């Protein structure tokens, strides 16, 4: 039997990592770069950072998390697959 033409080849894929925060510690940046190197060359890892909402005296942490979550959901492209971590 012959192998299917696609067997052995990876599909091109874009993985978008959506994170809250814009000033990541050095260890986070280094970890991101390391995982980016480990992925197959057909996969593209893109980091999208959502600015953390500034907490005022009247806003609860839960409300701020909800706002950040909404901003993250807005970044998801149509047909995208979501994996929450």
Protein backbone atom coordinates (compact mmCIF):
# COMPACT_ATOMS: atom_id res chain seq x y z
CA UNK A 1 0.00 0.00 0.00
CA UNK A 2 1.23 3.46 -0.76
CA UNK A 3 1.37 6.18 1.91
CA UNK A 4 -0.99 9.15 1.68
CA UNK A 5 0.72 12.18 0.20
CA UNK A 6 0.30 14.24 3.39
CA UNK A 7 1.81 11.60 5.68
CA UNK A 8 5.11 12.72 7.13
CA UNK A 9 4.49 16.43 6.48
CA UNK A 10 3.18 18.90 9.01
CA UNK A 11 0.52 21.45 8.17
CA UNK A 12 1.42 25.08 8.52
CA UNK A 13 -0.09 26.53 11.65
CA UNK A 14 -0.08 29.80 13.52
CA UNK A 15 -0.26 29.55 17.29
CA UNK A 16 -1.19 32.79 18.99
CA UNK A 17 -0.35 33.04 22.67
CA UNK A 18 -2.59 35.70 24.20
CA UNK A 19 -1.31 36.94 27.55
CA UNK A 20 -2.33 39.64 30.02
CA UNK A 21 0.52 42.02 30.68
CA UNK A 22 3.07 43.87 28.57
CA UNK A 23 6.19 43.86 30.73
CA UNK A 24 7.06 40.23 31.21
CA UNK A 25 9.98 39.22 33.43
CA UNK A 26 13.13 38.10 31.63
CA UNK A 27 12.52 34.42 32.49
CA UNK A 28 9.13 34.54 30.74
CA UNK A 29 10.62 36.07 27.60
CA UNK A 30 13.43 33.53 27.55
CA UNK A 31 10.97 30.65 28.05
CA UNK A 32 8.79 31.91 25.20
CA UNK A 33 11.80 32.11 22.87
CA UNK A 34 12.91 28.60 23.86
CA UNK A 35 9.51 27.06 23.11
CA UNK A 36 9.39 29.00 19.85
CA UNK A 37 12.66 27.32 18.81
CA UNK A 38 11.35 23.86 19.76
CA UNK A 39 8.26 24.05 17.56
CA UNK A 40 8.38 22.61 14.05
CA UNK A 41 9.41 25.17 11.47
CA UNK A 42 5.94 24.93 9.86
CA UNK A 43 4.38 26.33 13.05
CA UNK A 44 4.55 30.03 13.83
CA UNK A 45 4.26 31.14 17.47
CA UNK A 46 2.99 34.70 17.91
CA UNK A 47 2.76 36.52 21.24
CA UNK A 48 -0.16 38.95 21.65
CA UNK A 49 -0.08 40.92 24.86
CA UNK A 50 -3.17 42.50 26.37
CA UNK A 51 -2.43 45.48 28.63
CA UNK A 52 -3.39 44.80 32.24
CA UNK A 53 -6.29 46.97 33.33
CA UNK A 54 -5.39 49.60 35.93
CA UNK A 55 -7.15 49.04 39.20
CA UNK A 56 -9.01 51.98 40.64
CA UNK A 57 -10.34 52.17 44.18
CA UNK A 58 -13.86 51.33 43.08
CA UNK A 59 -13.07 48.37 40.78
CA UNK A 60 -12.84 44.81 42.01
CA UNK A 61 -10.17 42.37 40.87
CA UNK A 62 -12.91 40.13 39.46
CA UNK A 63 -14.21 42.98 37.27
CA UNK A 64 -10.72 43.69 35.96
CA UNK A 65 -10.16 40.01 35.14
CA UNK A 66 -13.47 39.99 33.30
CA UNK A 67 -12.41 43.01 31.21
CA UNK A 68 -9.05 41.39 30.38
CA UNK A 69 -10.85 38.18 29.43
CA UNK A 70 -13.14 40.05 27.05
CA UNK A 71 -10.13 41.69 25.40
CA UNK A 72 -8.49 38.28 24.99
CA UNK A 73 -11.62 36.80 23.43
CA UNK A 74 -11.76 39.71 20.95
CA UNK A 75 -8.28 38.72 19.71
CA UNK A 76 -9.37 35.22 18.72
CA UNK A 77 -9.75 34.92 14.98
CA UNK A 78 -12.81 33.35 13.38
CA UNK A 79 -12.38 29.58 13.25
CA UNK A 80 -9.60 29.64 15.82
CA UNK A 81 -9.23 26.88 18.36
CA UNK A 82 -8.93 28.03 21.97
CA UNK A 83 -6.85 26.30 24.62
CA UNK A 84 -6.99 27.97 28.03
CA UNK A 85 -4.01 27.65 30.35
